[in-house]
N, C-alpha and C. Protein backbone atom coordinates (compact mmCIF):
# COMPACT_ATOMS: atom_id res chain seq x y z
N MET A 1 35.13 10.91 -19.17
CA MET A 1 34.19 11.27 -18.13
C MET A 1 34.95 12.07 -17.06
N SER A 2 34.44 13.25 -16.73
CA SER A 2 35.05 14.02 -15.65
C SER A 2 34.50 13.50 -14.33
N ALA A 3 35.31 13.60 -13.31
CA ALA A 3 34.92 13.09 -12.00
C ALA A 3 35.02 14.21 -10.97
N GLU A 4 34.13 14.17 -10.01
CA GLU A 4 34.14 15.11 -8.89
C GLU A 4 34.63 14.37 -7.66
N LYS A 5 35.44 15.01 -6.87
CA LYS A 5 35.92 14.42 -5.62
C LYS A 5 35.00 14.89 -4.50
N ILE A 6 34.47 13.93 -3.73
CA ILE A 6 33.59 14.25 -2.61
C ILE A 6 34.10 13.55 -1.35
N SER A 7 33.56 13.94 -0.23
CA SER A 7 33.89 13.31 1.03
C SER A 7 32.64 12.60 1.54
N VAL A 8 32.80 11.36 2.01
CA VAL A 8 31.68 10.58 2.50
C VAL A 8 32.01 10.05 3.89
N SER A 9 31.09 10.18 4.81
CA SER A 9 31.26 9.63 6.15
C SER A 9 30.50 8.32 6.26
N ILE A 10 31.18 7.27 6.74
CA ILE A 10 30.53 5.98 6.95
C ILE A 10 30.96 5.43 8.31
N PRO A 11 30.15 4.59 8.92
CA PRO A 11 30.53 3.99 10.21
C PRO A 11 31.83 3.18 10.08
N ARG A 12 32.61 3.19 11.14
CA ARG A 12 33.91 2.51 11.12
C ARG A 12 33.77 1.02 10.76
N ASP A 13 32.74 0.34 11.32
CA ASP A 13 32.61 -1.09 11.04
C ASP A 13 32.31 -1.34 9.56
N LEU A 14 31.58 -0.44 8.92
CA LEU A 14 31.31 -0.58 7.48
C LEU A 14 32.59 -0.40 6.67
N LEU A 15 33.41 0.56 7.07
CA LEU A 15 34.70 0.78 6.40
C LEU A 15 35.60 -0.45 6.57
N GLU A 16 35.60 -1.02 7.78
CA GLU A 16 36.42 -2.21 8.02
C GLU A 16 35.95 -3.38 7.15
N GLN A 17 34.61 -3.54 7.00
CA GLN A 17 34.09 -4.59 6.14
C GLN A 17 34.52 -4.36 4.69
N LEU A 18 34.47 -3.11 4.25
CA LEU A 18 34.89 -2.77 2.88
C LEU A 18 36.36 -3.09 2.68
N GLU A 19 37.21 -2.68 3.61
CA GLU A 19 38.64 -2.93 3.49
C GLU A 19 38.95 -4.43 3.50
N LYS A 20 38.25 -5.17 4.33
CA LYS A 20 38.43 -6.63 4.39
C LYS A 20 38.03 -7.25 3.05
N PHE A 21 36.90 -6.80 2.49
CA PHE A 21 36.46 -7.29 1.18
C PHE A 21 37.50 -6.97 0.11
N MET A 22 38.00 -5.75 0.13
CA MET A 22 38.95 -5.33 -0.89
C MET A 22 40.22 -6.17 -0.84
N LYS A 23 40.69 -6.50 0.36
CA LYS A 23 41.89 -7.32 0.49
C LYS A 23 41.65 -8.74 -0.02
N LYS A 24 40.50 -9.31 0.33
CA LYS A 24 40.19 -10.69 -0.08
C LYS A 24 39.96 -10.80 -1.58
N SER A 25 39.35 -9.79 -2.18
CA SER A 25 38.96 -9.89 -3.58
C SER A 25 39.94 -9.23 -4.54
N SER A 26 40.98 -8.61 -4.01
CA SER A 26 41.97 -7.89 -4.80
C SER A 26 41.38 -6.70 -5.54
N VAL A 27 40.23 -6.22 -5.10
CA VAL A 27 39.64 -5.00 -5.64
C VAL A 27 40.30 -3.84 -4.90
N MET A 28 40.95 -2.96 -5.63
CA MET A 28 41.70 -1.90 -4.98
C MET A 28 41.15 -0.50 -5.25
N ASP A 29 40.11 -0.38 -6.02
CA ASP A 29 39.59 0.93 -6.39
C ASP A 29 38.32 1.24 -5.59
N ARG A 30 38.49 1.90 -4.45
CA ARG A 30 37.37 2.23 -3.58
C ARG A 30 36.36 3.13 -4.29
N SER A 31 36.85 4.05 -5.10
CA SER A 31 35.96 4.96 -5.84
C SER A 31 35.05 4.18 -6.78
N LYS A 32 35.60 3.17 -7.45
CA LYS A 32 34.80 2.35 -8.37
C LYS A 32 33.70 1.62 -7.61
N ILE A 33 34.02 1.11 -6.43
CA ILE A 33 33.01 0.42 -5.61
C ILE A 33 31.88 1.38 -5.26
N PHE A 34 32.20 2.59 -4.86
CA PHE A 34 31.17 3.57 -4.52
C PHE A 34 30.36 3.99 -5.74
N GLN A 35 31.02 4.11 -6.90
CA GLN A 35 30.30 4.45 -8.14
C GLN A 35 29.28 3.38 -8.49
N ILE A 36 29.69 2.13 -8.41
CA ILE A 36 28.77 1.02 -8.72
C ILE A 36 27.62 1.00 -7.71
N ALA A 37 27.94 1.15 -6.43
CA ALA A 37 26.89 1.14 -5.39
C ALA A 37 25.91 2.29 -5.59
N LEU A 38 26.41 3.45 -5.94
CA LEU A 38 25.53 4.61 -6.15
C LEU A 38 24.66 4.42 -7.40
N ARG A 39 25.24 3.89 -8.48
CA ARG A 39 24.45 3.61 -9.68
C ARG A 39 23.35 2.60 -9.38
N ASN A 40 23.70 1.54 -8.65
CA ASN A 40 22.69 0.53 -8.29
C ASN A 40 21.60 1.14 -7.43
N PHE A 41 21.96 1.97 -6.45
CA PHE A 41 20.98 2.62 -5.59
C PHE A 41 20.03 3.49 -6.41
N LEU A 42 20.58 4.31 -7.27
CA LEU A 42 19.74 5.19 -8.09
C LEU A 42 18.87 4.38 -9.05
N ASP A 43 19.45 3.34 -9.64
CA ASP A 43 18.70 2.50 -10.57
C ASP A 43 17.51 1.85 -9.89
N GLU A 44 17.70 1.40 -8.66
CA GLU A 44 16.62 0.73 -7.93
C GLU A 44 15.57 1.70 -7.40
N ASN A 45 15.94 2.96 -7.20
CA ASN A 45 15.04 3.87 -6.49
C ASN A 45 14.49 5.02 -7.31
N LEU A 46 15.08 5.33 -8.46
CA LEU A 46 14.52 6.39 -9.29
C LEU A 46 13.32 5.85 -10.05
N SER A 47 12.19 6.41 -9.80
CA SER A 47 10.96 5.96 -10.44
C SER A 47 10.74 6.77 -11.71
N GLU A 48 11.13 6.20 -12.82
CA GLU A 48 11.03 6.90 -14.10
C GLU A 48 9.94 6.28 -14.96
N ASP A 49 9.51 7.05 -15.94
CA ASP A 49 8.44 6.59 -16.82
C ASP A 49 9.01 6.03 -18.12
N LYS A 50 10.08 5.25 -18.00
CA LYS A 50 10.69 4.67 -19.20
C LYS A 50 10.47 3.16 -19.23
N GLU A 51 10.49 2.60 -20.41
CA GLU A 51 10.30 1.16 -20.61
C GLU A 51 11.60 0.44 -20.28
N VAL A 52 11.51 -0.57 -19.40
CA VAL A 52 12.69 -1.34 -19.01
C VAL A 52 12.35 -2.83 -18.97
N THR A 53 13.39 -3.63 -18.97
CA THR A 53 13.27 -5.07 -18.77
C THR A 53 14.01 -5.38 -17.48
N GLY A 54 13.52 -6.35 -16.72
CA GLY A 54 14.20 -6.62 -15.46
C GLY A 54 13.84 -7.95 -14.84
N ILE A 55 14.38 -8.13 -13.67
CA ILE A 55 14.14 -9.32 -12.85
C ILE A 55 13.79 -8.85 -11.44
N ILE A 56 12.73 -9.40 -10.90
CA ILE A 56 12.42 -9.20 -9.48
C ILE A 56 12.80 -10.51 -8.78
N ASN A 57 13.76 -10.44 -7.88
CA ASN A 57 14.14 -11.60 -7.08
C ASN A 57 13.41 -11.50 -5.76
N ILE A 58 12.83 -12.60 -5.33
CA ILE A 58 12.04 -12.60 -4.10
C ILE A 58 12.32 -13.88 -3.32
N ILE A 59 12.53 -13.73 -2.02
CA ILE A 59 12.72 -14.87 -1.12
C ILE A 59 11.59 -14.81 -0.10
N TYR A 60 10.93 -15.94 0.10
CA TYR A 60 9.75 -15.93 0.96
C TYR A 60 9.48 -17.29 1.59
N ASN A 61 8.65 -17.26 2.61
CA ASN A 61 8.19 -18.47 3.29
C ASN A 61 7.13 -19.14 2.41
N GLU A 62 7.14 -20.44 2.35
CA GLU A 62 6.22 -21.18 1.47
C GLU A 62 4.74 -20.83 1.71
N ASP A 63 4.40 -20.40 2.90
CA ASP A 63 3.01 -20.04 3.20
C ASP A 63 2.54 -18.83 2.40
N SER A 64 3.47 -18.08 1.83
CA SER A 64 3.13 -16.88 1.06
C SER A 64 2.89 -17.16 -0.42
N THR A 65 3.09 -18.40 -0.86
CA THR A 65 3.02 -18.74 -2.28
C THR A 65 1.71 -18.29 -2.93
N GLY A 66 0.59 -18.56 -2.28
CA GLY A 66 -0.72 -18.21 -2.85
C GLY A 66 -0.87 -16.71 -3.07
N ASP A 67 -0.45 -15.91 -2.09
CA ASP A 67 -0.57 -14.46 -2.21
C ASP A 67 0.36 -13.92 -3.31
N ILE A 68 1.54 -14.48 -3.40
CA ILE A 68 2.49 -14.05 -4.43
C ILE A 68 1.97 -14.39 -5.81
N THR A 69 1.44 -15.61 -5.97
CA THR A 69 0.87 -16.02 -7.25
C THR A 69 -0.31 -15.14 -7.64
N LYS A 70 -1.13 -14.77 -6.67
CA LYS A 70 -2.28 -13.90 -6.94
C LYS A 70 -1.82 -12.55 -7.48
N VAL A 71 -0.80 -11.95 -6.86
CA VAL A 71 -0.28 -10.67 -7.34
C VAL A 71 0.27 -10.83 -8.75
N GLN A 72 0.98 -11.92 -9.00
CA GLN A 72 1.54 -12.14 -10.33
C GLN A 72 0.44 -12.23 -11.39
N HIS A 73 -0.65 -12.88 -11.07
CA HIS A 73 -1.76 -12.98 -12.03
C HIS A 73 -2.43 -11.62 -12.25
N GLU A 74 -2.50 -10.81 -11.20
CA GLU A 74 -3.08 -9.48 -11.33
C GLU A 74 -2.20 -8.55 -12.17
N LYS A 75 -0.89 -8.78 -12.16
CA LYS A 75 0.07 -7.93 -12.88
C LYS A 75 0.63 -8.65 -14.11
N LEU A 76 -0.17 -9.53 -14.68
CA LEU A 76 0.26 -10.37 -15.79
C LEU A 76 0.86 -9.59 -16.95
N ILE A 77 0.38 -8.38 -17.20
CA ILE A 77 0.85 -7.60 -18.33
C ILE A 77 2.34 -7.28 -18.20
N SER A 78 2.85 -7.20 -16.96
CA SER A 78 4.25 -6.85 -16.73
C SER A 78 5.16 -8.08 -16.64
N ILE A 79 4.59 -9.26 -16.39
CA ILE A 79 5.39 -10.45 -16.11
C ILE A 79 5.58 -11.30 -17.36
N ILE A 80 6.85 -11.57 -17.66
CA ILE A 80 7.21 -12.38 -18.82
C ILE A 80 7.28 -13.85 -18.45
N SER A 81 7.93 -14.15 -17.32
CA SER A 81 8.16 -15.53 -16.92
C SER A 81 8.59 -15.56 -15.45
N THR A 82 8.50 -16.75 -14.84
CA THR A 82 9.00 -16.91 -13.48
C THR A 82 9.81 -18.20 -13.37
N LEU A 83 10.78 -18.17 -12.47
CA LEU A 83 11.56 -19.35 -12.12
C LEU A 83 11.42 -19.54 -10.62
N HIS A 84 10.92 -20.69 -10.22
CA HIS A 84 10.67 -20.99 -8.81
C HIS A 84 11.72 -21.98 -8.32
N ILE A 85 12.33 -21.65 -7.17
CA ILE A 85 13.38 -22.50 -6.60
C ILE A 85 13.02 -22.81 -5.15
N HIS A 86 13.11 -24.08 -4.76
CA HIS A 86 12.90 -24.48 -3.37
C HIS A 86 14.25 -24.40 -2.66
N LEU A 87 14.38 -23.49 -1.70
CA LEU A 87 15.64 -23.33 -0.97
C LEU A 87 15.80 -24.39 0.11
N ASN A 88 14.69 -24.70 0.77
CA ASN A 88 14.64 -25.76 1.78
C ASN A 88 13.16 -26.11 1.97
N GLU A 89 12.83 -26.83 3.04
CA GLU A 89 11.43 -27.26 3.22
C GLU A 89 10.47 -26.11 3.46
N LYS A 90 10.95 -24.96 3.89
CA LYS A 90 10.07 -23.85 4.26
C LYS A 90 10.23 -22.59 3.41
N GLU A 91 11.34 -22.46 2.70
CA GLU A 91 11.61 -21.22 1.98
C GLU A 91 11.76 -21.43 0.48
N CYS A 92 11.31 -20.41 -0.26
CA CYS A 92 11.36 -20.43 -1.71
C CYS A 92 12.02 -19.16 -2.23
N MET A 93 12.51 -19.25 -3.45
CA MET A 93 13.03 -18.09 -4.15
C MET A 93 12.41 -18.07 -5.53
N GLU A 94 12.07 -16.87 -6.00
CA GLU A 94 11.58 -16.74 -7.38
C GLU A 94 12.34 -15.64 -8.07
N ALA A 95 12.60 -15.87 -9.34
CA ALA A 95 13.11 -14.84 -10.24
C ALA A 95 11.97 -14.57 -11.21
N ILE A 96 11.44 -13.36 -11.15
CA ILE A 96 10.29 -12.99 -11.97
C ILE A 96 10.78 -12.04 -13.06
N ALA A 97 10.78 -12.51 -14.30
CA ALA A 97 11.19 -11.67 -15.43
C ALA A 97 10.05 -10.71 -15.75
N VAL A 98 10.38 -9.42 -15.84
CA VAL A 98 9.36 -8.39 -16.03
C VAL A 98 9.76 -7.42 -17.13
N LYS A 99 8.74 -6.77 -17.69
CA LYS A 99 8.96 -5.73 -18.69
C LYS A 99 7.83 -4.73 -18.58
N GLY A 100 8.19 -3.44 -18.62
CA GLY A 100 7.18 -2.40 -18.54
C GLY A 100 7.77 -1.08 -18.10
N LYS A 101 6.91 -0.16 -17.74
CA LYS A 101 7.36 1.13 -17.22
C LYS A 101 8.06 0.90 -15.89
N LYS A 102 9.21 1.55 -15.73
CA LYS A 102 10.00 1.32 -14.52
C LYS A 102 9.18 1.61 -13.26
N LYS A 103 8.41 2.68 -13.28
CA LYS A 103 7.60 3.03 -12.11
C LYS A 103 6.65 1.89 -11.75
N GLU A 104 6.03 1.26 -12.76
CA GLU A 104 5.11 0.15 -12.50
C GLU A 104 5.84 -1.06 -11.92
N LEU A 105 7.06 -1.30 -12.38
CA LEU A 105 7.82 -2.44 -11.87
C LEU A 105 8.29 -2.19 -10.43
N ILE A 106 8.65 -0.95 -10.13
CA ILE A 106 9.00 -0.60 -8.75
C ILE A 106 7.79 -0.80 -7.85
N ASP A 107 6.61 -0.38 -8.33
CA ASP A 107 5.37 -0.57 -7.57
C ASP A 107 5.09 -2.06 -7.35
N LEU A 108 5.30 -2.88 -8.38
CA LEU A 108 5.09 -4.33 -8.26
C LEU A 108 6.03 -4.92 -7.21
N ALA A 109 7.30 -4.53 -7.24
CA ALA A 109 8.25 -5.02 -6.24
C ALA A 109 7.82 -4.60 -4.84
N LEU A 110 7.33 -3.38 -4.71
CA LEU A 110 6.85 -2.89 -3.41
C LEU A 110 5.65 -3.69 -2.93
N ILE A 111 4.70 -3.97 -3.82
CA ILE A 111 3.53 -4.78 -3.46
C ILE A 111 3.97 -6.16 -2.97
N LEU A 112 4.90 -6.78 -3.70
CA LEU A 112 5.39 -8.10 -3.30
C LEU A 112 6.08 -8.05 -1.95
N SER A 113 6.82 -6.97 -1.70
CA SER A 113 7.56 -6.87 -0.43
C SER A 113 6.64 -6.72 0.78
N GLN A 114 5.39 -6.32 0.56
CA GLN A 114 4.45 -6.11 1.66
C GLN A 114 3.69 -7.39 2.05
N ILE A 115 3.85 -8.45 1.27
CA ILE A 115 3.14 -9.71 1.56
C ILE A 115 3.77 -10.37 2.78
N ARG A 116 2.91 -10.81 3.70
CA ARG A 116 3.38 -11.49 4.90
C ARG A 116 4.20 -12.73 4.51
N GLY A 117 5.36 -12.88 5.12
CA GLY A 117 6.23 -14.02 4.85
C GLY A 117 7.31 -13.75 3.82
N VAL A 118 7.24 -12.60 3.16
CA VAL A 118 8.28 -12.23 2.19
C VAL A 118 9.48 -11.69 2.97
N LYS A 119 10.65 -12.24 2.68
CA LYS A 119 11.85 -11.88 3.44
C LYS A 119 12.73 -10.88 2.69
N LYS A 120 12.72 -10.97 1.37
CA LYS A 120 13.61 -10.11 0.60
C LYS A 120 13.07 -9.94 -0.81
N VAL A 121 13.12 -8.70 -1.33
CA VAL A 121 12.71 -8.42 -2.70
C VAL A 121 13.74 -7.47 -3.30
N LYS A 122 14.19 -7.78 -4.50
CA LYS A 122 15.15 -6.91 -5.18
C LYS A 122 14.80 -6.83 -6.65
N LEU A 123 14.75 -5.60 -7.16
CA LEU A 123 14.46 -5.35 -8.57
C LEU A 123 15.74 -4.92 -9.27
N LEU A 124 16.06 -5.58 -10.35
CA LEU A 124 17.19 -5.21 -11.21
C LEU A 124 16.62 -4.90 -12.58
N THR A 125 16.91 -3.72 -13.10
CA THR A 125 16.34 -3.33 -14.40
C THR A 125 17.43 -2.98 -15.40
N TYR A 126 17.06 -3.04 -16.66
CA TYR A 126 17.95 -2.66 -17.76
C TYR A 126 17.15 -1.89 -18.79
N ASN A 127 17.72 -0.79 -19.22
CA ASN A 127 17.15 0.02 -20.29
C ASN A 127 18.18 0.05 -21.39
N GLU A 128 17.82 -0.41 -22.58
CA GLU A 128 18.80 -0.50 -23.66
C GLU A 128 19.39 0.84 -24.04
N ASN A 129 18.77 1.93 -23.61
CA ASN A 129 19.30 3.26 -23.91
C ASN A 129 20.23 3.79 -22.83
N GLU A 130 20.50 2.98 -21.78
CA GLU A 130 21.41 3.41 -20.72
C GLU A 130 22.83 3.45 -21.23
N LYS A 131 23.60 4.35 -20.68
CA LYS A 131 25.01 4.47 -21.06
C LYS A 131 25.88 3.77 -20.06
């Protein structure tokens, strides 16, 4: 694989956090960290019309359970399974296994993120044809 050298500007505090992480974790390849971060960013944000399998992780206030369940039932064709975890008396986490067109799964994650009481939503996808 050929590589291109680029210059990137980041805030000093972010660079300090990166350097601190690298020292603690013995990760010494800054370029590799940026490559992984860029691949993850593109993977999460490129809306393609390809079939993928993935997980939507969601953290939310328990009061949102009904709305989240309603969306899941409406999008049943994309949802394979769910794992529900009680984080504490007020907060929950779910891992929602999904399969379908990447664009539709991105839309589903966006719909979930708009529900009142949802604190965090993250979509991780895999396409068996990825290199």
